[in-house]
Amino acid sequence: MFDLGWTELLVIGIVALIVIGPKDLPGMFHALGKFTSKLRRMAREFQNAMEDAAKESGMKDAASDLRDLTNPRKMGLDAVKDAADKFDRWEPGARSDKPKGDTAKADTAEKGPATEKLSEERAEAARKIRDAAAEKARARQAAEAEAATAEADATAAKPAASGSSDA
């Protein structure tokens, strides 16, 4: 409480011996001991009374609830931190499912049956989209080529038609 070391206590004892005297010193230490024990008893009673009041008012329950709320394990923050770490290691341009870092967890992860089915469905859908886009591109190119041919024929036919009307 006062943070006194042995040297400070020795100095205080010597000063007390000189000021009070050797005759009255044991009586003073006895009174000091009684006073200290009375002070400790009062502090203990006060602390017990405060704890009882906290129990009656429900503060102890509220404090334990607050401790539970701030506990990261009970809130599931570990899972959030893991997800954030995976997101930090994720490379958008990479075609692999593995994160950027060398983690044993990512290497040992296996695909479940639902994941494989989803992967196959997505691959099939992507193939269909690519095929449809390629077919539309071919049709557009064919239409453009046909239009260009028709335009070239029309341009070639115009001078011939205008030349025969002049003659």
N, C-alpha and C. Protein backbone atom coordinates (compact mmCIF):
# COMPACT_ATOMS: atom_id res chain seq x y z
N MET A 1 0.82 -1.19 0.00
CA MET A 1 0.00 0.00 0.00
C MET A 1 0.86 1.25 0.00
N PHE A 2 1.78 1.37 0.98
CA PHE A 2 2.66 2.53 1.02
C PHE A 2 3.96 2.28 0.30
N ASP A 3 4.19 1.03 -0.09
CA ASP A 3 5.38 0.65 -0.83
C ASP A 3 6.66 0.96 -0.03
N LEU A 4 6.70 0.47 1.21
CA LEU A 4 7.87 0.68 2.06
C LEU A 4 8.76 -0.55 1.99
N GLY A 5 10.05 -0.34 1.85
CA GLY A 5 11.01 -1.44 1.85
C GLY A 5 11.55 -1.67 3.25
N TRP A 6 12.45 -2.67 3.38
CA TRP A 6 13.01 -2.98 4.69
C TRP A 6 13.86 -1.85 5.22
N THR A 7 14.55 -1.14 4.37
CA THR A 7 15.41 -0.04 4.86
C THR A 7 14.55 1.09 5.42
N GLU A 8 13.44 1.41 4.75
CA GLU A 8 12.56 2.48 5.26
C GLU A 8 11.95 2.07 6.60
N LEU A 9 11.52 0.80 6.71
CA LEU A 9 10.96 0.32 7.97
C LEU A 9 12.00 0.36 9.10
N LEU A 10 13.24 0.04 8.80
CA LEU A 10 14.32 0.09 9.79
C LEU A 10 14.55 1.52 10.28
N VAL A 11 14.55 2.48 9.34
CA VAL A 11 14.73 3.88 9.71
C VAL A 11 13.56 4.36 10.58
N ILE A 12 12.32 3.97 10.21
CA ILE A 12 11.16 4.37 10.99
C ILE A 12 11.24 3.75 12.39
N GLY A 13 11.66 2.47 12.47
CA GLY A 13 11.80 1.81 13.77
C GLY A 13 12.83 2.49 14.65
N ILE A 14 13.96 2.89 14.09
CA ILE A 14 15.01 3.56 14.86
C ILE A 14 14.51 4.92 15.34
N VAL A 15 13.85 5.67 14.49
CA VAL A 15 13.31 6.98 14.88
C VAL A 15 12.25 6.80 15.97
N ALA A 16 11.38 5.80 15.82
CA ALA A 16 10.37 5.55 16.84
C ALA A 16 11.02 5.16 18.17
N LEU A 17 12.07 4.37 18.12
CA LEU A 17 12.78 3.97 19.34
C LEU A 17 13.37 5.19 20.04
N ILE A 18 13.92 6.12 19.27
CA ILE A 18 14.53 7.31 19.84
C ILE A 18 13.45 8.26 20.37
N VAL A 19 12.39 8.50 19.60
CA VAL A 19 11.37 9.47 19.98
C VAL A 19 10.47 8.93 21.10
N ILE A 20 9.97 7.70 20.97
CA ILE A 20 9.02 7.16 21.94
C ILE A 20 9.75 6.56 23.14
N GLY A 21 10.85 5.94 22.87
CA GLY A 21 11.61 5.32 23.95
C GLY A 21 11.34 3.84 24.02
N PRO A 22 12.32 3.10 24.57
CA PRO A 22 12.20 1.64 24.60
C PRO A 22 11.10 1.15 25.55
N LYS A 23 10.71 1.96 26.53
CA LYS A 23 9.73 1.54 27.51
C LYS A 23 8.31 1.51 26.92
N ASP A 24 7.95 2.54 26.14
CA ASP A 24 6.59 2.67 25.60
C ASP A 24 6.45 2.06 24.19
N LEU A 25 7.53 1.63 23.60
CA LEU A 25 7.49 1.12 22.22
C LEU A 25 6.63 -0.14 22.07
N PRO A 26 6.72 -1.16 22.93
CA PRO A 26 5.86 -2.34 22.77
C PRO A 26 4.36 -2.01 22.87
N GLY A 27 3.97 -1.11 23.74
CA GLY A 27 2.57 -0.71 23.86
C GLY A 27 2.09 0.00 22.59
N MET A 28 2.97 0.83 22.02
CA MET A 28 2.61 1.53 20.78
C MET A 28 2.45 0.53 19.62
N PHE A 29 3.33 -0.47 19.53
CA PHE A 29 3.20 -1.48 18.47
C PHE A 29 1.93 -2.31 18.65
N HIS A 30 1.57 -2.59 19.92
CA HIS A 30 0.34 -3.34 20.18
C HIS A 30 -0.88 -2.53 19.72
N ALA A 31 -0.91 -1.25 20.03
CA ALA A 31 -2.02 -0.38 19.62
C ALA A 31 -2.06 -0.24 18.10
N LEU A 32 -0.88 -0.14 17.50
CA LEU A 32 -0.80 -0.04 16.03
C LEU A 32 -1.33 -1.31 15.38
N GLY A 33 -1.01 -2.47 15.95
CA GLY A 33 -1.50 -3.74 15.42
C GLY A 33 -3.02 -3.84 15.51
N LYS A 34 -3.59 -3.42 16.67
CA LYS A 34 -5.05 -3.43 16.83
C LYS A 34 -5.71 -2.50 15.82
N PHE A 35 -5.12 -1.32 15.65
CA PHE A 35 -5.69 -0.34 14.71
C PHE A 35 -5.65 -0.89 13.27
N THR A 36 -4.53 -1.55 12.92
CA THR A 36 -4.39 -2.11 11.57
C THR A 36 -5.40 -3.24 11.34
N SER A 37 -5.58 -4.11 12.33
CA SER A 37 -6.53 -5.21 12.16
C SER A 37 -7.96 -4.67 12.08
N LYS A 38 -8.28 -3.61 12.85
CA LYS A 38 -9.60 -3.01 12.78
C LYS A 38 -9.83 -2.39 11.40
N LEU A 39 -8.82 -1.74 10.85
CA LEU A 39 -8.91 -1.14 9.52
C LEU A 39 -9.14 -2.21 8.46
N ARG A 40 -8.43 -3.34 8.54
CA ARG A 40 -8.59 -4.43 7.57
C ARG A 40 -9.97 -5.04 7.67
N ARG A 41 -10.47 -5.23 8.91
CA ARG A 41 -11.80 -5.79 9.10
C ARG A 41 -12.87 -4.87 8.49
N MET A 42 -12.73 -3.57 8.69
CA MET A 42 -13.68 -2.62 8.12
C MET A 42 -13.64 -2.65 6.59
N ALA A 43 -12.44 -2.76 6.03
CA ALA A 43 -12.31 -2.80 4.57
C ALA A 43 -12.94 -4.08 4.02
N ARG A 44 -12.73 -5.20 4.71
CA ARG A 44 -13.32 -6.47 4.28
C ARG A 44 -14.85 -6.43 4.35
N GLU A 45 -15.40 -5.85 5.45
CA GLU A 45 -16.84 -5.71 5.58
C GLU A 45 -17.42 -4.81 4.49
N PHE A 46 -16.71 -3.73 4.19
CA PHE A 46 -17.16 -2.81 3.14
C PHE A 46 -17.17 -3.52 1.78
N GLN A 47 -16.13 -4.29 1.51
CA GLN A 47 -16.05 -5.01 0.24
C GLN A 47 -17.16 -6.05 0.14
N ASN A 48 -17.42 -6.78 1.22
CA ASN A 48 -18.50 -7.76 1.21
C ASN A 48 -19.86 -7.09 1.02
N ALA A 49 -20.06 -5.93 1.65
CA ALA A 49 -21.32 -5.21 1.50
C ALA A 49 -21.51 -4.76 0.06
N MET A 50 -20.45 -4.29 -0.57
CA MET A 50 -20.53 -3.85 -1.97
C MET A 50 -20.82 -5.04 -2.89
N GLU A 51 -20.21 -6.18 -2.63
CA GLU A 51 -20.48 -7.38 -3.44
C GLU A 51 -21.92 -7.84 -3.27
N ASP A 52 -22.44 -7.79 -2.03
CA ASP A 52 -23.84 -8.16 -1.79
C ASP A 52 -24.79 -7.22 -2.52
N ALA A 53 -24.49 -5.93 -2.48
CA ALA A 53 -25.33 -4.95 -3.17
C ALA A 53 -25.30 -5.19 -4.68
N ALA A 54 -24.13 -5.54 -5.19
CA ALA A 54 -24.02 -5.81 -6.63
C ALA A 54 -24.80 -7.07 -7.00
N LYS A 55 -24.79 -8.07 -6.15
CA LYS A 55 -25.56 -9.29 -6.41
C LYS A 55 -27.06 -9.00 -6.41
N GLU A 56 -27.50 -8.19 -5.44
CA GLU A 56 -28.93 -7.87 -5.33
C GLU A 56 -29.41 -7.04 -6.51
N SER A 57 -28.58 -6.14 -6.99
CA SER A 57 -29.01 -5.27 -8.08
C SER A 57 -28.83 -5.92 -9.45
N GLY A 58 -28.17 -7.05 -9.50
CA GLY A 58 -27.98 -7.74 -10.77
C GLY A 58 -26.75 -7.26 -11.52
N MET A 59 -25.94 -6.46 -10.90
CA MET A 59 -24.73 -5.96 -11.57
C MET A 59 -23.74 -7.08 -11.86
N LYS A 60 -23.71 -8.07 -11.00
CA LYS A 60 -22.77 -9.17 -11.22
C LYS A 60 -23.14 -9.94 -12.49
N ASP A 61 -24.47 -10.15 -12.68
CA ASP A 61 -24.91 -10.82 -13.90
C ASP A 61 -24.61 -9.97 -15.12
N ALA A 62 -24.84 -8.67 -14.99
CA ALA A 62 -24.56 -7.77 -16.12
C ALA A 62 -23.07 -7.75 -16.43
N ALA A 63 -22.24 -7.76 -15.38
CA ALA A 63 -20.80 -7.77 -15.60
C ALA A 63 -20.35 -9.05 -16.27
N SER A 64 -20.93 -10.20 -15.84
CA SER A 64 -20.54 -11.47 -16.48
C SER A 64 -21.04 -11.52 -17.92
N ASP A 65 -22.24 -10.96 -18.18
CA ASP A 65 -22.74 -10.89 -19.56
C ASP A 65 -21.84 -10.02 -20.42
N LEU A 66 -21.39 -8.91 -19.85
CA LEU A 66 -20.50 -8.01 -20.59
C LEU A 66 -19.17 -8.70 -20.87
N ARG A 67 -18.65 -9.45 -19.90
CA ARG A 67 -17.41 -10.20 -20.12
C ARG A 67 -17.60 -11.24 -21.23
N ASP A 68 -18.77 -11.90 -21.23
CA ASP A 68 -19.05 -12.88 -22.27
C ASP A 68 -19.16 -12.22 -23.64
N LEU A 69 -19.74 -11.02 -23.68
CA LEU A 69 -19.88 -10.32 -24.96
C LEU A 69 -18.53 -9.90 -25.53
N THR A 70 -17.59 -9.56 -24.65
CA THR A 70 -16.29 -9.13 -25.13
C THR A 70 -15.34 -10.29 -25.35
N ASN A 71 -15.76 -11.50 -25.04
CA ASN A 71 -14.93 -12.68 -25.26
C ASN A 71 -14.95 -13.02 -26.75
N PRO A 72 -13.80 -12.92 -27.44
CA PRO A 72 -13.79 -13.16 -28.88
C PRO A 72 -14.18 -14.58 -29.28
N ARG A 73 -13.90 -15.55 -28.44
CA ARG A 73 -14.25 -16.93 -28.78
C ARG A 73 -15.76 -17.14 -28.78
N LYS A 74 -16.46 -16.51 -27.85
CA LYS A 74 -17.91 -16.68 -27.78
C LYS A 74 -18.60 -15.89 -28.88
N MET A 75 -17.97 -14.85 -29.38
CA MET A 75 -18.59 -14.06 -30.44
C MET A 75 -18.32 -14.64 -31.82
N GLY A 76 -17.40 -15.56 -31.92
CA GLY A 76 -17.08 -16.13 -33.22
C GLY A 76 -16.11 -15.27 -34.00
N LEU A 77 -15.36 -14.42 -33.31
CA LEU A 77 -14.43 -13.55 -34.02
C LEU A 77 -13.26 -14.34 -34.60
N ASP A 78 -12.99 -15.52 -34.04
CA ASP A 78 -11.92 -16.32 -34.62
C ASP A 78 -12.27 -16.70 -36.05
N ALA A 79 -13.51 -17.07 -36.29
CA ALA A 79 -13.93 -17.43 -37.65
C ALA A 79 -13.87 -16.21 -38.57
N VAL A 80 -14.22 -15.05 -38.04
CA VAL A 80 -14.15 -13.83 -38.85
C VAL A 80 -12.70 -13.50 -39.18
N LYS A 81 -11.82 -13.65 -38.20
CA LYS A 81 -10.39 -13.38 -38.45
C LYS A 81 -9.83 -14.35 -39.49
N ASP A 82 -10.21 -15.64 -39.39
CA ASP A 82 -9.76 -16.62 -40.38
C ASP A 82 -10.26 -16.25 -41.77
N ALA A 83 -11.51 -15.84 -41.86
CA ALA A 83 -12.07 -15.46 -43.16
C ALA A 83 -11.35 -14.23 -43.70
N ALA A 84 -11.04 -13.27 -42.83
CA ALA A 84 -10.33 -12.07 -43.26
C ALA A 84 -8.93 -12.42 -43.74
N ASP A 85 -8.27 -13.36 -43.04
CA ASP A 85 -6.94 -13.79 -43.47
C ASP A 85 -7.01 -14.46 -44.84
N LYS A 86 -8.00 -15.32 -45.05
CA LYS A 86 -8.16 -15.96 -46.35
C LYS A 86 -8.42 -14.94 -47.44
N PHE A 87 -9.21 -13.93 -47.13
CA PHE A 87 -9.51 -12.88 -48.10
C PHE A 87 -8.25 -12.08 -48.43
N ASP A 88 -7.41 -11.82 -47.41
CA ASP A 88 -6.16 -11.09 -47.65
C ASP A 88 -5.22 -11.88 -48.55
N ARG A 89 -5.23 -13.21 -48.44
CA ARG A 89 -4.32 -14.04 -49.24
C ARG A 89 -4.90 -14.39 -50.60
N TRP A 90 -6.14 -14.06 -50.87
CA TRP A 90 -6.81 -14.43 -52.11
C TRP A 90 -6.29 -13.61 -53.27
N GLU A 91 -6.01 -14.28 -54.40
CA GLU A 91 -5.57 -13.61 -55.61
C GLU A 91 -6.69 -13.67 -56.63
N PRO A 92 -7.28 -12.52 -57.02
CA PRO A 92 -8.42 -12.54 -57.93
C PRO A 92 -8.09 -13.14 -59.29
N GLY A 93 -6.90 -12.94 -59.82
CA GLY A 93 -6.55 -13.42 -61.15
C GLY A 93 -6.17 -14.88 -61.19
N ALA A 94 -5.89 -15.47 -60.03
CA ALA A 94 -5.43 -16.86 -59.99
C ALA A 94 -6.59 -17.81 -60.28
N ARG A 95 -6.28 -18.92 -60.97
CA ARG A 95 -7.32 -19.88 -61.31
C ARG A 95 -7.41 -21.01 -60.30
N SER A 96 -6.50 -21.05 -59.33
CA SER A 96 -6.54 -22.14 -58.36
C SER A 96 -7.41 -21.75 -57.18
N ASP A 97 -7.87 -22.77 -56.44
CA ASP A 97 -8.68 -22.52 -55.26
C ASP A 97 -7.83 -22.24 -54.04
N LYS A 98 -6.50 -22.46 -54.17
CA LYS A 98 -5.63 -22.29 -53.03
C LYS A 98 -5.35 -20.81 -52.81
N PRO A 99 -5.26 -20.37 -51.53
CA PRO A 99 -4.88 -18.99 -51.26
C PRO A 99 -3.41 -18.78 -51.55
N LYS A 100 -2.99 -17.53 -51.54
CA LYS A 100 -1.65 -17.14 -51.91
C LYS A 100 -0.60 -17.74 -50.96
N GLY A 101 -0.85 -17.75 -49.67
CA GLY A 101 0.12 -18.23 -48.68
C GLY A 101 0.24 -19.73 -48.69
N ASP A 102 1.35 -20.23 -48.15
CA ASP A 102 1.55 -21.67 -48.03
C ASP A 102 1.01 -22.11 -46.68
N THR A 103 -0.23 -22.49 -46.63
CA THR A 103 -0.81 -22.95 -45.38
C THR A 103 -1.20 -24.40 -45.53
N ALA A 104 -0.97 -25.16 -44.46
CA ALA A 104 -1.31 -26.58 -44.48
C ALA A 104 -2.81 -26.75 -44.56
N LYS A 105 -3.54 -25.83 -43.98
CA LYS A 105 -5.00 -25.92 -43.98
C LYS A 105 -5.54 -25.85 -45.41
N ALA A 106 -4.99 -24.94 -46.21
CA ALA A 106 -5.47 -24.78 -47.59
C ALA A 106 -5.05 -25.98 -48.44
N ASP A 107 -3.88 -26.55 -48.16
CA ASP A 107 -3.41 -27.67 -48.96
C ASP A 107 -4.19 -28.94 -48.67
N THR A 108 -4.65 -29.10 -47.42
CA THR A 108 -5.33 -30.33 -47.07
C THR A 108 -6.83 -30.25 -47.28
N ALA A 109 -7.32 -29.09 -47.67
CA ALA A 109 -8.77 -28.95 -47.86
C ALA A 109 -9.21 -29.78 -49.07
N GLU A 110 -10.24 -30.59 -48.87
CA GLU A 110 -10.76 -31.41 -49.96
C GLU A 110 -12.14 -30.93 -50.32
N LYS A 111 -12.51 -31.14 -51.59
CA LYS A 111 -13.83 -30.74 -52.03
C LYS A 111 -14.83 -31.80 -51.60
N GLY A 112 -15.96 -31.32 -51.12
CA GLY A 112 -17.03 -32.23 -50.75
C GLY A 112 -17.87 -32.53 -51.99
N PRO A 113 -18.82 -33.46 -51.89
CA PRO A 113 -19.64 -33.83 -53.05
C PRO A 113 -20.48 -32.65 -53.56
N ALA A 114 -20.98 -31.83 -52.67
CA ALA A 114 -21.79 -30.69 -53.11
C ALA A 114 -20.91 -29.67 -53.85
N THR A 115 -19.69 -29.49 -53.37
CA THR A 115 -18.79 -28.54 -54.02
C THR A 115 -18.41 -29.03 -55.40
N GLU A 116 -18.14 -30.32 -55.52
CA GLU A 116 -17.78 -30.87 -56.83
C GLU A 116 -18.94 -30.74 -57.81
N LYS A 117 -20.14 -31.00 -57.33
CA LYS A 117 -21.32 -30.89 -58.19
C LYS A 117 -21.49 -29.45 -58.64
N LEU A 118 -21.32 -28.51 -57.71
CA LEU A 118 -21.42 -27.09 -58.07
C LEU A 118 -20.35 -26.72 -59.08
N SER A 119 -19.14 -27.21 -58.88
CA SER A 119 -18.04 -26.91 -59.81
C SER A 119 -18.36 -27.43 -61.20
N GLU A 120 -18.89 -28.65 -61.25
CA GLU A 120 -19.23 -29.22 -62.56
C GLU A 120 -20.36 -28.43 -63.22
N GLU A 121 -21.36 -28.04 -62.43
CA GLU A 121 -22.47 -27.27 -62.98
C GLU A 121 -21.99 -25.91 -63.49
N ARG A 122 -21.13 -25.30 -62.73
CA ARG A 122 -20.61 -23.98 -63.15
C ARG A 122 -19.73 -24.11 -64.39
N ALA A 123 -18.94 -25.17 -64.45
CA ALA A 123 -18.10 -25.38 -65.63
C ALA A 123 -18.98 -25.62 -66.86
N GLU A 124 -20.05 -26.38 -66.72
CA GLU A 124 -20.96 -26.64 -67.83
C GLU A 124 -21.64 -25.35 -68.26
N ALA A 125 -22.08 -24.55 -67.28
CA ALA A 125 -22.73 -23.27 -67.61
C ALA A 125 -21.75 -22.35 -68.32
N ALA A 126 -20.51 -22.31 -67.87
CA ALA A 126 -19.50 -21.46 -68.51
C ALA A 126 -19.24 -21.94 -69.94
N ARG A 127 -19.19 -23.27 -70.16
CA ARG A 127 -18.99 -23.80 -71.50
C ARG A 127 -20.14 -23.41 -72.41
N LYS A 128 -21.38 -23.52 -71.92
CA LYS A 128 -22.54 -23.14 -72.72
C LYS A 128 -22.50 -21.66 -73.08
N ILE A 129 -22.12 -20.84 -72.12
CA ILE A 129 -22.04 -19.39 -72.39
C ILE A 129 -20.99 -19.11 -73.44
N ARG A 130 -19.82 -19.76 -73.32
CA ARG A 130 -18.76 -19.56 -74.32
C ARG A 130 -19.21 -20.01 -75.70
N ASP A 131 -19.88 -21.18 -75.77
CA ASP A 131 -20.36 -21.68 -77.07
C ASP A 131 -21.39 -20.74 -77.68
N ALA A 132 -22.32 -20.25 -76.86
CA ALA A 132 -23.35 -19.34 -77.36
C ALA A 132 -22.72 -18.04 -77.84
N ALA A 133 -21.73 -17.53 -77.08
CA ALA A 133 -21.07 -16.29 -77.48
C ALA A 133 -20.29 -16.50 -78.78
N ALA A 134 -19.65 -17.65 -78.93
CA ALA A 134 -18.90 -17.93 -80.16
C ALA A 134 -19.85 -18.04 -81.35
N GLU A 135 -21.01 -18.69 -81.16
CA GLU A 135 -22.00 -18.83 -82.24
C GLU A 135 -22.53 -17.46 -82.66
N LYS A 136 -22.80 -16.60 -81.66
CA LYS A 136 -23.30 -15.25 -82.00
C LYS A 136 -22.23 -14.46 -82.72
N ALA A 137 -20.98 -14.63 -82.30
CA ALA A 137 -19.89 -13.91 -82.97
C ALA A 137 -19.76 -14.38 -84.42
N ARG A 138 -19.86 -15.70 -84.65
CA ARG A 138 -19.79 -16.21 -86.02
C ARG A 138 -20.96 -15.68 -86.87
N ALA A 139 -22.15 -15.67 -86.29
CA ALA A 139 -23.33 -15.17 -87.03
C ALA A 139 -23.16 -13.69 -87.35
N ARG A 140 -22.66 -12.93 -86.42
CA ARG A 140 -22.45 -11.50 -86.65
C ARG A 140 -21.40 -11.27 -87.73
N GLN A 141 -20.30 -12.05 -87.66
CA GLN A 141 -19.26 -11.90 -88.68
C GLN A 141 -19.80 -12.28 -90.06
N ALA A 142 -20.62 -13.35 -90.10
CA ALA A 142 -21.20 -13.75 -91.39
C ALA A 142 -22.13 -12.67 -91.91
N ALA A 143 -22.95 -12.06 -91.02
CA ALA A 143 -23.86 -11.00 -91.43
C ALA A 143 -23.07 -9.78 -91.90
N GLU A 144 -22.00 -9.46 -91.22
CA GLU A 144 -21.17 -8.31 -91.63
C GLU A 144 -20.51 -8.59 -92.98
N ALA A 145 -20.03 -9.80 -93.16
CA ALA A 145 -19.40 -10.16 -94.44
C ALA A 145 -20.43 -10.10 -95.57
N GLU A 146 -21.64 -10.58 -95.32
CA GLU A 146 -22.71 -10.55 -96.33
C GLU A 146 -23.09 -9.11 -96.65
N ALA A 147 -23.16 -8.27 -95.60
CA ALA A 147 -23.50 -6.86 -95.82
C ALA A 147 -22.40 -6.16 -96.60
N ALA A 148 -21.14 -6.49 -96.28
CA ALA A 148 -20.03 -5.87 -96.99
C ALA A 148 -20.03 -6.32 -98.45
N THR A 149 -20.34 -7.57 -98.72
CA THR A 149 -20.40 -8.08 -100.09
C THR A 149 -21.53 -7.40 -100.85
N ALA A 150 -22.69 -7.26 -100.21
CA ALA A 150 -23.83 -6.60 -100.85
C ALA A 150 -23.51 -5.15 -101.13
N GLU A 151 -22.84 -4.50 -100.24
CA GLU A 151 -22.48 -3.09 -100.43
C GLU A 151 -21.46 -2.95 -101.56
N ALA A 152 -20.51 -3.89 -101.60
CA ALA A 152 -19.52 -3.84 -102.68
C ALA A 152 -20.18 -4.10 -104.02
N ASP A 153 -21.13 -5.02 -104.08
CA ASP A 153 -21.87 -5.29 -105.32
C ASP A 153 -22.67 -4.06 -105.74
N ALA A 154 -23.29 -3.40 -104.75
CA ALA A 154 -24.10 -2.22 -105.06
C ALA A 154 -23.21 -1.08 -105.55
N THR A 155 -22.04 -0.94 -104.97
CA THR A 155 -21.12 0.11 -105.40
C THR A 155 -20.59 -0.19 -106.79
N ALA A 156 -20.31 -1.43 -107.08
CA ALA A 156 -19.81 -1.81 -108.40
C ALA A 156 -20.91 -1.66 -109.45
N ALA A 157 -22.14 -1.90 -109.10
CA ALA A 157 -23.25 -1.81 -110.05
C ALA A 157 -23.60 -0.36 -110.35
N LYS A 158 -23.39 0.57 -109.48
CA LYS A 158 -23.72 1.98 -109.71
C LYS A 158 -22.93 2.58 -110.85
N PRO A 159 -21.62 2.49 -110.90
CA PRO A 159 -20.92 3.11 -112.03
C PRO A 159 -21.28 2.46 -113.35
N ALA A 160 -21.52 1.19 -113.32
CA ALA A 160 -21.90 0.53 -114.58
C ALA A 160 -23.26 1.04 -115.05
N ALA A 161 -24.18 1.25 -114.16
CA ALA A 161 -25.49 1.74 -114.52
C ALA A 161 -25.42 3.20 -114.96
N SER A 162 -24.61 3.98 -114.30
CA SER A 162 -24.52 5.40 -114.69
C SER A 162 -23.74 5.55 -115.98
N GLY A 163 -22.82 4.66 -116.30
CA GLY A 163 -22.06 4.72 -117.56
C GLY A 163 -22.93 4.38 -118.75
N SER A 164 -23.85 3.47 -118.65
CA SER A 164 -24.68 3.07 -119.78
C SER A 164 -25.76 4.12 -120.05
N SER A 165 -26.18 4.90 -119.10
CA SER A 165 -27.18 5.93 -119.34
C SER A 165 -26.57 7.16 -119.99
N ASP A 166 -25.27 7.38 -119.86
CA ASP A 166 -24.60 8.52 -120.49
C ASP A 166 -24.41 8.25 -121.98
N ALA A 167 -24.26 7.09 -122.38
CA ALA A 167 -23.96 6.79 -123.75
C ALA A 167 -25.11 6.78 -124.64
